[in-house]
N, C-alpha and C. Protein backbone atom coordinates (compact mmCIF):
# COMPACT_ATOMS: atom_id res chain seq x y z
N ALA A 1 13.20 -37.95 19.79
CA ALA A 1 11.74 -38.01 19.19
C ALA A 1 10.60 -38.12 20.15
N LEU A 2 9.38 -37.65 19.67
CA LEU A 2 8.31 -37.64 20.70
C LEU A 2 7.57 -39.08 20.80
N PRO A 3 7.35 -39.48 21.85
CA PRO A 3 6.64 -40.76 21.79
C PRO A 3 5.22 -40.76 21.13
N THR A 4 4.84 -41.85 20.23
CA THR A 4 3.90 -41.66 19.37
C THR A 4 2.39 -41.69 19.99
N ASN A 5 2.43 -42.27 21.13
CA ASN A 5 1.10 -42.72 21.66
C ASN A 5 0.66 -41.80 23.01
N SER A 6 1.37 -40.70 23.25
CA SER A 6 1.09 -39.98 24.54
C SER A 6 0.11 -38.64 24.42
N TRP A 7 -0.41 -38.16 25.19
CA TRP A 7 -1.11 -36.87 24.97
C TRP A 7 -0.38 -35.79 24.72
N LEU A 8 0.76 -35.82 25.25
CA LEU A 8 1.81 -34.67 25.06
C LEU A 8 2.16 -34.63 23.56
N ALA A 9 2.47 -35.82 22.86
CA ALA A 9 2.70 -35.84 21.57
C ALA A 9 1.67 -35.41 20.92
N LEU A 10 0.48 -35.86 20.99
CA LEU A 10 -0.78 -35.20 20.31
C LEU A 10 -0.80 -33.95 20.32
N ILE A 11 -0.65 -33.14 21.55
CA ILE A 11 -0.75 -31.79 21.88
C ILE A 11 0.27 -31.08 21.10
N VAL A 12 1.54 -31.56 20.87
CA VAL A 12 2.45 -30.86 20.40
C VAL A 12 2.22 -31.05 18.79
N ARG A 13 1.83 -32.01 18.24
CA ARG A 13 1.54 -32.16 16.93
C ARG A 13 0.41 -31.22 16.48
N LEU A 14 -0.93 -31.13 17.26
CA LEU A 14 -1.72 -30.24 16.96
C LEU A 14 -1.36 -28.87 17.02
N LEU A 15 -0.45 -28.54 17.88
CA LEU A 15 -0.04 -27.12 17.95
C LEU A 15 0.84 -26.84 16.74
N MET A 16 1.67 -27.80 16.53
CA MET A 16 2.53 -27.47 15.18
C MET A 16 1.57 -27.31 13.96
N THR A 17 0.65 -28.11 13.84
CA THR A 17 -0.43 -27.94 12.76
C THR A 17 -1.02 -26.47 12.76
N PHE A 18 -1.45 -26.25 14.01
CA PHE A 18 -2.12 -24.88 14.09
C PHE A 18 -1.14 -23.67 13.70
N VAL A 19 0.18 -23.88 14.11
CA VAL A 19 1.18 -22.86 13.73
C VAL A 19 1.21 -22.84 12.06
N VAL A 20 1.57 -24.05 11.61
CA VAL A 20 1.83 -23.93 10.09
C VAL A 20 0.49 -23.31 9.43
N SER A 21 -0.79 -23.87 9.85
CA SER A 21 -2.08 -23.25 9.34
C SER A 21 -2.01 -21.78 9.25
N MET A 22 -1.60 -21.36 10.49
CA MET A 22 -1.73 -19.91 10.66
C MET A 22 -0.67 -19.14 9.82
N THR A 23 0.37 -19.63 9.85
CA THR A 23 1.61 -18.76 9.09
C THR A 23 1.61 -19.07 7.72
N ALA A 24 1.26 -20.15 7.12
CA ALA A 24 1.35 -20.39 5.73
C ALA A 24 0.69 -19.18 4.90
N PRO A 25 -0.56 -18.91 5.20
CA PRO A 25 -0.99 -17.77 4.36
C PRO A 25 -0.09 -16.25 4.46
N LEU A 26 0.49 -16.36 5.56
CA LEU A 26 1.35 -15.03 5.78
C LEU A 26 2.54 -15.19 4.75
N ILE A 27 2.71 -16.30 4.30
CA ILE A 27 3.80 -16.54 3.41
C ILE A 27 3.61 -16.64 1.99
N VAL A 28 2.67 -17.43 1.83
CA VAL A 28 2.10 -17.87 0.59
C VAL A 28 1.41 -16.68 -0.29
N VAL A 29 0.58 -15.91 0.48
CA VAL A 29 -0.13 -14.73 -0.16
C VAL A 29 0.98 -13.64 -0.87
N PRO A 30 1.84 -13.15 -0.07
CA PRO A 30 2.74 -12.41 -0.63
C PRO A 30 3.64 -12.85 -1.66
N CYS A 31 3.97 -14.08 -1.59
CA CYS A 31 5.00 -14.54 -2.48
C CYS A 31 4.08 -14.84 -3.84
N GLY A 32 2.87 -15.40 -3.54
CA GLY A 32 1.90 -15.62 -4.79
C GLY A 32 1.76 -14.25 -5.54
N GLU A 33 1.44 -13.16 -4.89
CA GLU A 33 1.29 -11.97 -5.51
C GLU A 33 2.44 -11.27 -6.28
N MET A 34 3.74 -11.67 -5.95
CA MET A 34 4.86 -11.36 -6.54
C MET A 34 4.89 -12.19 -7.61
N ILE A 35 4.52 -13.40 -7.73
CA ILE A 35 4.63 -14.26 -8.98
C ILE A 35 3.66 -13.97 -9.82
N GLU A 36 2.42 -13.57 -9.35
CA GLU A 36 1.35 -12.99 -10.32
C GLU A 36 1.69 -11.83 -10.94
N GLY A 37 2.39 -10.78 -10.06
CA GLY A 37 2.70 -9.67 -10.79
C GLY A 37 3.77 -9.82 -11.88
N LYS A 38 4.88 -10.72 -11.69
CA LYS A 38 5.61 -11.07 -12.61
C LYS A 38 5.24 -11.87 -13.89
N LEU A 39 4.14 -12.62 -13.74
CA LEU A 39 3.37 -13.36 -14.69
C LEU A 39 2.42 -12.49 -15.48
N GLY A 40 2.13 -11.38 -14.97
CA GLY A 40 1.10 -10.34 -15.53
C GLY A 40 -0.39 -10.85 -15.22
N ILE A 41 -0.62 -11.44 -14.27
CA ILE A 41 -1.94 -11.95 -13.87
C ILE A 41 -2.55 -11.02 -13.08
N GLY A 42 -3.73 -10.53 -13.67
CA GLY A 42 -4.62 -9.42 -13.09
C GLY A 42 -5.41 -9.82 -11.72
N VAL A 43 -6.00 -9.09 -11.14
CA VAL A 43 -6.85 -9.07 -10.00
C VAL A 43 -8.04 -10.12 -10.37
N ASP A 44 -8.54 -9.73 -11.51
CA ASP A 44 -9.92 -10.12 -11.78
C ASP A 44 -9.69 -11.75 -12.33
N GLU A 45 -8.42 -12.23 -12.39
CA GLU A 45 -8.32 -13.69 -13.06
C GLU A 45 -7.99 -14.77 -11.96
N VAL A 46 -9.18 -14.97 -11.15
CA VAL A 46 -9.13 -15.71 -9.82
C VAL A 46 -8.65 -17.08 -10.10
N ARG A 47 -9.03 -17.71 -11.22
CA ARG A 47 -8.53 -19.17 -11.61
C ARG A 47 -7.12 -19.19 -11.71
N LYS A 48 -6.52 -18.32 -12.45
CA LYS A 48 -5.01 -18.30 -12.38
C LYS A 48 -4.33 -17.96 -11.20
N ARG A 49 -4.94 -17.04 -10.42
CA ARG A 49 -4.41 -16.74 -9.02
C ARG A 49 -4.22 -17.98 -8.18
N ILE A 50 -5.44 -18.55 -8.28
CA ILE A 50 -5.48 -19.95 -7.37
C ILE A 50 -4.53 -20.86 -7.74
N ALA A 51 -4.41 -21.09 -9.16
CA ALA A 51 -3.43 -22.11 -9.81
C ALA A 51 -1.93 -21.74 -9.42
N VAL A 52 -1.48 -20.46 -9.46
CA VAL A 52 -0.27 -20.13 -8.98
C VAL A 52 0.05 -20.36 -7.51
N ARG A 53 -0.89 -20.09 -6.68
CA ARG A 53 -0.72 -20.30 -5.13
C ARG A 53 -0.80 -21.73 -4.88
N VAL A 54 -1.58 -22.66 -5.52
CA VAL A 54 -1.51 -24.09 -5.38
C VAL A 54 -0.25 -24.61 -5.89
N LEU A 55 0.24 -24.20 -7.10
CA LEU A 55 1.46 -24.66 -7.45
C LEU A 55 2.69 -24.11 -6.53
N LEU A 56 2.62 -23.02 -5.99
CA LEU A 56 3.81 -22.64 -5.16
C LEU A 56 3.67 -23.57 -3.92
N CYS A 57 2.54 -23.96 -3.41
CA CYS A 57 2.61 -24.66 -2.37
C CYS A 57 3.04 -26.16 -2.75
N MET A 58 2.48 -26.54 -3.78
CA MET A 58 2.96 -27.85 -4.20
C MET A 58 4.44 -27.94 -4.29
N LEU A 59 5.06 -26.91 -5.00
CA LEU A 59 6.54 -26.83 -5.21
C LEU A 59 7.27 -26.90 -3.89
N CYS A 60 6.77 -26.02 -2.94
CA CYS A 60 7.47 -26.11 -1.45
C CYS A 60 7.30 -27.24 -0.93
N MET A 61 6.09 -28.18 -0.95
CA MET A 61 5.96 -29.35 -0.37
C MET A 61 6.96 -30.38 -1.14
N ILE A 62 6.99 -30.37 -2.51
CA ILE A 62 7.98 -31.29 -2.94
C ILE A 62 9.32 -31.05 -2.59
N VAL A 63 9.76 -29.88 -2.58
CA VAL A 63 11.29 -29.77 -2.29
C VAL A 63 11.54 -30.07 -0.85
N SER A 64 10.52 -29.74 -0.15
CA SER A 64 10.96 -30.06 1.57
C SER A 64 10.81 -31.67 1.60
N GLU A 65 10.10 -32.29 0.69
CA GLU A 65 10.00 -33.67 1.02
C GLU A 65 11.21 -34.44 0.30
N HIS A 66 11.82 -33.94 -0.64
CA HIS A 66 12.73 -34.81 -1.46
C HIS A 66 14.12 -34.20 -1.42
N ALA A 67 14.29 -32.97 -0.71
CA ALA A 67 15.60 -32.40 -0.68
C ALA A 67 16.32 -33.02 0.69
N PRO A 68 17.65 -33.56 0.43
CA PRO A 68 18.28 -34.35 1.32
C PRO A 68 18.80 -33.09 2.48
N GLY A 69 18.53 -33.51 3.86
CA GLY A 69 18.94 -32.54 4.81
C GLY A 69 18.16 -31.09 4.76
N PHE A 70 16.88 -31.14 4.50
CA PHE A 70 16.16 -29.79 4.17
C PHE A 70 16.20 -29.16 5.64
N VAL A 71 15.93 -30.02 6.64
CA VAL A 71 15.88 -29.42 7.97
C VAL A 71 16.98 -28.62 8.21
N HIS A 72 18.01 -28.96 7.86
CA HIS A 72 19.39 -28.24 8.09
C HIS A 72 19.38 -26.90 7.21
N VAL A 73 19.08 -26.93 5.90
CA VAL A 73 18.96 -25.79 5.11
C VAL A 73 17.98 -24.81 5.76
N VAL A 74 16.82 -25.20 6.19
CA VAL A 74 15.98 -24.26 6.76
C VAL A 74 16.48 -23.66 8.08
N SER A 75 16.97 -24.45 8.79
CA SER A 75 17.66 -23.90 10.12
C SER A 75 18.67 -22.99 9.83
N PHE A 76 19.52 -23.16 8.88
CA PHE A 76 20.56 -22.25 8.54
C PHE A 76 20.06 -20.90 8.02
N ILE A 77 19.00 -21.02 7.05
CA ILE A 77 18.42 -19.82 6.64
C ILE A 77 17.61 -19.08 7.69
N GLY A 78 17.01 -19.77 8.62
CA GLY A 78 16.39 -19.29 9.75
C GLY A 78 17.25 -18.62 10.87
N CYS A 79 18.54 -19.16 10.81
CA CYS A 79 19.41 -18.82 11.96
C CYS A 79 19.95 -17.53 11.38
N PHE A 80 20.31 -17.33 10.09
CA PHE A 80 20.98 -16.21 9.55
C PHE A 80 19.81 -15.04 9.40
N CYS A 81 18.70 -15.32 8.87
CA CYS A 81 17.49 -14.30 8.71
C CYS A 81 17.23 -13.80 10.32
N ALA A 82 17.05 -14.77 11.14
CA ALA A 82 16.66 -14.08 12.66
C ALA A 82 17.81 -13.27 13.20
N SER A 83 19.10 -13.64 13.04
CA SER A 83 20.07 -13.18 13.56
C SER A 83 20.28 -11.47 12.83
N ILE A 84 19.95 -11.58 11.64
CA ILE A 84 20.10 -9.97 10.84
C ILE A 84 18.87 -9.33 11.34
N ILE A 85 17.72 -10.10 11.31
CA ILE A 85 16.60 -9.07 11.63
C ILE A 85 16.63 -8.79 13.24
N GLY A 86 17.08 -9.60 14.12
CA GLY A 86 17.04 -9.16 15.38
C GLY A 86 18.25 -8.54 15.97
N PHE A 87 19.32 -8.73 15.32
CA PHE A 87 20.41 -8.12 15.98
C PHE A 87 21.25 -7.19 15.12
N VAL A 88 21.02 -7.19 13.87
CA VAL A 88 21.77 -6.38 13.09
C VAL A 88 21.03 -5.03 12.50
N LEU A 89 19.78 -5.20 12.09
CA LEU A 89 18.91 -4.08 11.48
C LEU A 89 18.45 -3.12 12.54
N PRO A 90 17.99 -3.51 13.59
CA PRO A 90 17.69 -2.39 14.72
C PRO A 90 18.72 -1.46 14.76
N PRO A 91 20.01 -1.68 15.13
CA PRO A 91 21.10 -0.84 15.32
C PRO A 91 21.53 0.02 14.25
N LEU A 92 21.31 -0.69 13.15
CA LEU A 92 21.59 -0.13 11.71
C LEU A 92 20.75 1.02 11.40
N PHE A 93 19.30 0.61 11.61
CA PHE A 93 18.36 1.47 11.65
C PHE A 93 18.41 2.72 12.51
N CYS A 94 18.67 2.51 13.84
CA CYS A 94 18.95 3.62 14.72
C CYS A 94 19.95 4.55 14.26
N ILE A 95 21.15 4.10 13.94
CA ILE A 95 22.34 4.72 13.38
C ILE A 95 21.83 5.63 12.19
N GLN A 96 21.14 4.97 11.17
CA GLN A 96 20.61 5.66 9.98
C GLN A 96 19.84 6.97 10.48
N LEU A 97 18.77 6.61 11.18
CA LEU A 97 17.77 7.61 11.85
C LEU A 97 18.43 8.76 12.34
N ARG A 98 19.47 8.36 13.27
CA ARG A 98 20.31 9.46 14.10
C ARG A 98 21.08 10.33 13.04
N HIS A 99 21.68 9.71 11.92
CA HIS A 99 22.34 10.50 11.20
C HIS A 99 21.57 11.40 10.29
N ASN A 100 20.37 10.72 9.76
CA ASN A 100 19.42 11.75 9.03
C ASN A 100 18.82 12.75 9.89
N THR A 101 18.73 12.56 11.19
CA THR A 101 18.05 13.59 12.09
C THR A 101 19.07 14.71 12.25
N ARG A 102 20.14 14.31 12.61
CA ARG A 102 21.45 15.23 12.61
C ARG A 102 21.52 16.21 11.33
N LYS A 103 21.47 15.46 10.26
CA LYS A 103 21.81 16.04 8.92
C LYS A 103 20.66 17.10 8.79
N ASP A 104 19.47 16.75 8.98
CA ASP A 104 18.41 17.65 8.76
C ASP A 104 18.63 18.92 9.78
N SER A 105 18.94 18.68 10.87
CA SER A 105 18.96 19.66 11.94
C SER A 105 20.24 20.52 12.03
N MET A 106 21.02 20.25 11.14
CA MET A 106 22.39 20.79 11.09
C MET A 106 23.15 20.66 12.40
N ALA A 107 22.90 19.56 13.33
CA ALA A 107 23.51 19.76 14.61
C ALA A 107 24.76 19.21 14.49
N LYS A 108 25.45 19.01 15.63
CA LYS A 108 26.88 18.55 15.53
C LYS A 108 26.98 17.21 15.20
N THR A 109 27.99 16.68 14.55
CA THR A 109 28.13 15.48 13.83
C THR A 109 29.03 14.51 14.85
N THR A 110 29.30 15.02 15.95
CA THR A 110 30.10 14.30 16.76
C THR A 110 29.37 13.21 17.25
N MET A 111 29.88 11.94 17.67
CA MET A 111 29.42 10.82 18.09
C MET A 111 29.06 10.89 19.62
N ASP A 112 27.83 10.69 19.94
CA ASP A 112 27.66 10.65 21.53
C ASP A 112 27.41 9.26 22.12
N PHE A 113 27.21 9.11 23.50
CA PHE A 113 27.26 7.98 23.88
C PHE A 113 26.10 6.93 23.38
N ILE A 114 24.96 7.43 22.94
CA ILE A 114 24.03 6.78 22.31
C ILE A 114 24.54 6.26 20.76
N SER A 115 25.14 7.06 20.16
CA SER A 115 25.73 6.55 19.00
C SER A 115 26.84 5.46 19.01
N TYR A 116 27.72 5.73 20.27
CA TYR A 116 28.69 4.69 20.49
C TYR A 116 27.95 3.19 20.76
N CYS A 117 26.74 3.29 21.55
CA CYS A 117 25.91 2.01 21.83
C CYS A 117 25.41 1.37 20.57
N ASP A 118 25.06 2.31 19.63
CA ASP A 118 24.27 1.83 18.45
C ASP A 118 25.49 1.07 17.74
N VAL A 119 26.47 1.60 17.67
CA VAL A 119 27.72 1.00 16.65
C VAL A 119 28.14 -0.41 17.33
N GLY A 120 28.27 -0.18 18.77
CA GLY A 120 28.57 -1.42 19.57
C GLY A 120 27.68 -2.66 19.20
N ALA A 121 26.41 -2.20 19.36
CA ALA A 121 25.31 -3.27 19.24
C ALA A 121 25.26 -3.70 17.79
N LEU A 122 25.77 -2.91 16.88
CA LEU A 122 25.78 -3.41 15.35
C LEU A 122 26.88 -4.34 15.14
N VAL A 123 28.01 -3.98 15.92
CA VAL A 123 29.21 -4.87 15.66
C VAL A 123 28.75 -6.22 16.45
N ILE A 124 28.33 -6.20 17.81
CA ILE A 124 27.93 -7.42 18.35
C ILE A 124 26.78 -8.26 17.35
N GLY A 125 25.98 -7.35 16.79
CA GLY A 125 24.82 -8.26 15.94
C GLY A 125 25.72 -8.66 14.77
N ILE A 126 26.49 -8.25 14.18
CA ILE A 126 27.23 -8.81 12.96
C ILE A 126 28.05 -10.08 13.34
N ILE A 127 28.75 -9.99 14.56
CA ILE A 127 29.51 -10.90 15.06
C ILE A 127 28.64 -12.07 15.34
N THR A 128 27.52 -11.96 16.05
CA THR A 128 26.48 -13.02 16.40
C THR A 128 26.21 -13.65 15.30
N THR A 129 25.79 -12.98 14.13
CA THR A 129 25.17 -13.41 12.90
C THR A 129 26.25 -14.31 12.43
N ILE A 130 27.50 -13.93 12.25
CA ILE A 130 28.65 -14.86 11.62
C ILE A 130 28.83 -16.01 12.37
N LEU A 131 28.89 -15.69 13.78
CA LEU A 131 29.11 -16.99 14.56
C LEU A 131 28.04 -17.93 14.54
N THR A 132 26.68 -17.59 14.78
CA THR A 132 25.59 -18.34 14.61
C THR A 132 25.35 -19.18 13.28
N SER A 133 25.72 -18.35 12.16
CA SER A 133 25.50 -18.95 10.98
C SER A 133 26.83 -19.99 10.72
N THR A 134 27.88 -19.48 11.26
CA THR A 134 28.96 -20.63 11.00
C THR A 134 28.83 -21.86 11.72
N MET A 135 28.19 -21.76 13.16
CA MET A 135 27.97 -23.06 13.69
C MET A 135 26.77 -23.81 13.07
N THR A 136 25.89 -23.06 12.62
CA THR A 136 24.72 -23.76 12.11
C THR A 136 25.18 -24.43 10.71
N PHE A 137 25.91 -24.02 9.91
CA PHE A 137 26.67 -24.35 8.65
C PHE A 137 27.51 -25.50 9.05
N GLY A 138 28.34 -25.24 9.88
CA GLY A 138 29.13 -26.55 10.52
C GLY A 138 28.17 -27.83 10.84
N GLU A 139 27.30 -27.62 11.55
CA GLU A 139 26.38 -28.72 11.84
C GLU A 139 25.85 -29.27 10.56
N MET A 140 25.45 -28.51 9.79
CA MET A 140 24.79 -29.06 8.52
C MET A 140 25.94 -29.88 7.74
N ARG A 141 26.98 -29.56 7.56
CA ARG A 141 28.20 -30.23 6.88
C ARG A 141 28.46 -31.52 7.60
N LYS A 142 28.30 -31.33 8.97
CA LYS A 142 28.86 -32.56 9.66
C LYS A 142 27.69 -33.73 9.46
N SER A 143 26.34 -33.39 9.42
CA SER A 143 25.42 -34.22 9.40
C SER A 143 25.34 -34.84 7.88
N GLN A 144 25.81 -34.15 7.12
CA GLN A 144 25.81 -34.61 5.49
C GLN A 144 26.92 -35.64 5.34
N GLN A 145 28.02 -35.39 6.05
CA GLN A 145 29.30 -36.27 6.02
C GLN A 145 28.99 -37.83 6.67
N GLN A 146 27.89 -37.69 7.56
CA GLN A 146 27.71 -39.02 8.12
C GLN A 146 26.87 -39.96 7.32
């Protein structure tokens, strides 16, 4: 834990507040728009849109405050999503683009060196996702047993 009365702790808390302040709209606005669309709330119904977004923020705050081990749940979801986005999707998209390009140009369908590299990166990404998610899930279970 950080010391409570040092300048370093104050800077860290201010920077964490800044990060949350800057990233919350990036999460709340699209999620709120999806909920508004499902509820049939129009663009001109400003009060209802504000109510939906405030309730969304309140719900997130209540869940994060009262859910046991919420930090571990968030770390598991973050680990899984970051691994998928960083290590699995890029080589998968490269494979898909290469396949579509070859299909359109009627070129040879044999795999070349870059295709093998993409498949290798995809396999490594899947293994990395499984390992990191398993490790994080194990830590989450271990902390709940204590």
